[in-house]
Amino acid sequence: MRTDENSTSAQWRADTGRPAERGAADLSENRPPKQRTADTDRDRPAETQATSTTANEPPKQRAGGNAGRPGLGRSFHHLWAASGLSNLADGVLLVGVPLLAVSLTRSPAQVALVSAATTLPWLLLALHAGAIADRLDRRRIMVLAGWSRAAVLAATAAAAWLDLLSLPVLVAAVLLAGAAEVFADTSAQSALPMTVTGDRLGAANGRLVATQTLGNHFLGAPLAGLLVGIATTTVFGTAALLYAAGALLLLGMRGRFRPEAAPAQALRADIADGMRHLWGHRALRGLAAYSGVLNLAYGAYFAVFVLWVVGDGSRVGLTPGQYGLLAATLAAGAVAGSVLSGSLTRLTGENGALVGVTLLNALLLVVPLLLPSPLVVFPAAAGIGAANAVTNVVSVSLRQRLIPEGLLGRVNATCRLIGMGAMPLGAASAGLLATLAGLSAVFWSACALSLLAAAIILRGGEAGGPARGHRGATSRE
């Protein structure tokens, strides 16, 4: 499970809860530059000022040409459709790979290794992917990444057909597919603000998060359970076809998706610029820390969750098919959370929404431990999904508004390095902790980490998170 942001990222979006769209100025002492680069393509509206410099002004639109249109534009709809297919493939792998791993071994450490391999590329490649996304055409990067994933999984399907699939082959496949995902997702998040107007980022991200959830869990999870029952080859083959089709849809996006002021310095210097901007920006720094801690919890929890709920020797005793339904229930909650996130932030403010759902999440994570019954575990999964979706929508939209266009790839990648990179660390720690102290110790630890994440938001005014806005200072560019 990912959040952007918290997924380990998600991806781990934005109103202050006072009058609608008060903007990011209340959330930090730092602000992005007032003017963004113009985009003259008719499909991508011209950039205007990013954020208000006073507390009472609404944020300016990042792009203005679509402001009078109710829709989000052709390019967004192609991106949205491609995201739907790719996330359906993600969902097939999200459930199919752990089930295949359990069929190969019952060792908690080895099952956790497979889970860690799916997100380890974020630790290794995120910064470079962000720098490249700020240099090259972001749409082209997404297309090449989609075709690369299709090729890797087609080869894995062939290995399964030839009865050559083993745990090392499975780990290698998810590592390579994960590497392509880093480039695809980093470029997608950086291309979105070039596709829709600044005031529509929340709506666009809400649709993408809902689609991600539907694909990952509601549709992909049951499909994975069905495919595992048919043949191992079908799991990888289906995912390969979906990734390839998504890459083709991206070709329908119109416009130029390369930043106009592409960096001319060395790649290492580009990466350093992105890291400096994140560290010098109070709100972004707090959001990154929050996502990292929460994803550490999620990475640990879901790395071994399948051992707690699936199989005759588990505490809950679900079948693989029922596990797919459990993932679908989680997805239903996430869809509800993504739809309701805007109303929630208007009612409680960003900080209230993040703190409230994170505390709820901490409670729900221990429900399967305290009450290991399907009648209780399924509703708990719906609540966890809703909480995860709210944190994604709130944090990602805010981040996209705060980061200047020319730095979107690098700063997004640095944030996601912290958020998504925490996932394999959590998964690896879970395998070790479960071996030494049992699965229950992992679940209690995940609960404690969620409480810590809520504390980061609560202490944000002093500790660097987006809690109490401090006005007056300028951001470091």
Foldseek 3Di string as FASTA:
>chain_A
DAPCLVYLDDVQAFDQQAPGQLACQFQAAAFADQWFQFFDDLQFATAGGQQDQDRRDGGAKRGDNCVPPPDLGDLLVLLLVLLLLLLLLLQLCVQQLLVVQVVQDPQLLLLLLLLLLLLQLLLVCLQLLLLVLLAAFLLVLLLVLLLQLLVLLLVVLVCQVVVNDHSVSSSVSSNRNSNSVSNNVLSSLLQVSRRGMLVCLLVSLLSSQLSSLCSNAQNNLLVNLVVVVVGSSCSSNSSSVSSNVSSVSSVSRDGTRHRPCRDPDDSVVLLVVLVQLQVQILASVLSLVLLLLLNLLVLLLVSCVCQQCDDPPHLAHDHSNVVSVLSSLLSQLLNVLSVCLSVVCNNQGLLRLLLVLLLLLLVLLCQCVVPVYPVRSSVSSSSNNSSSNNSNSHRSSSLSSRDHSSSSSSNSSVSSSSSSVSNSVSSSVNSVCCVVPNNSVSSNVSSVSSNVSSVSQVCSVPNRHRHGYDYDDYGDD
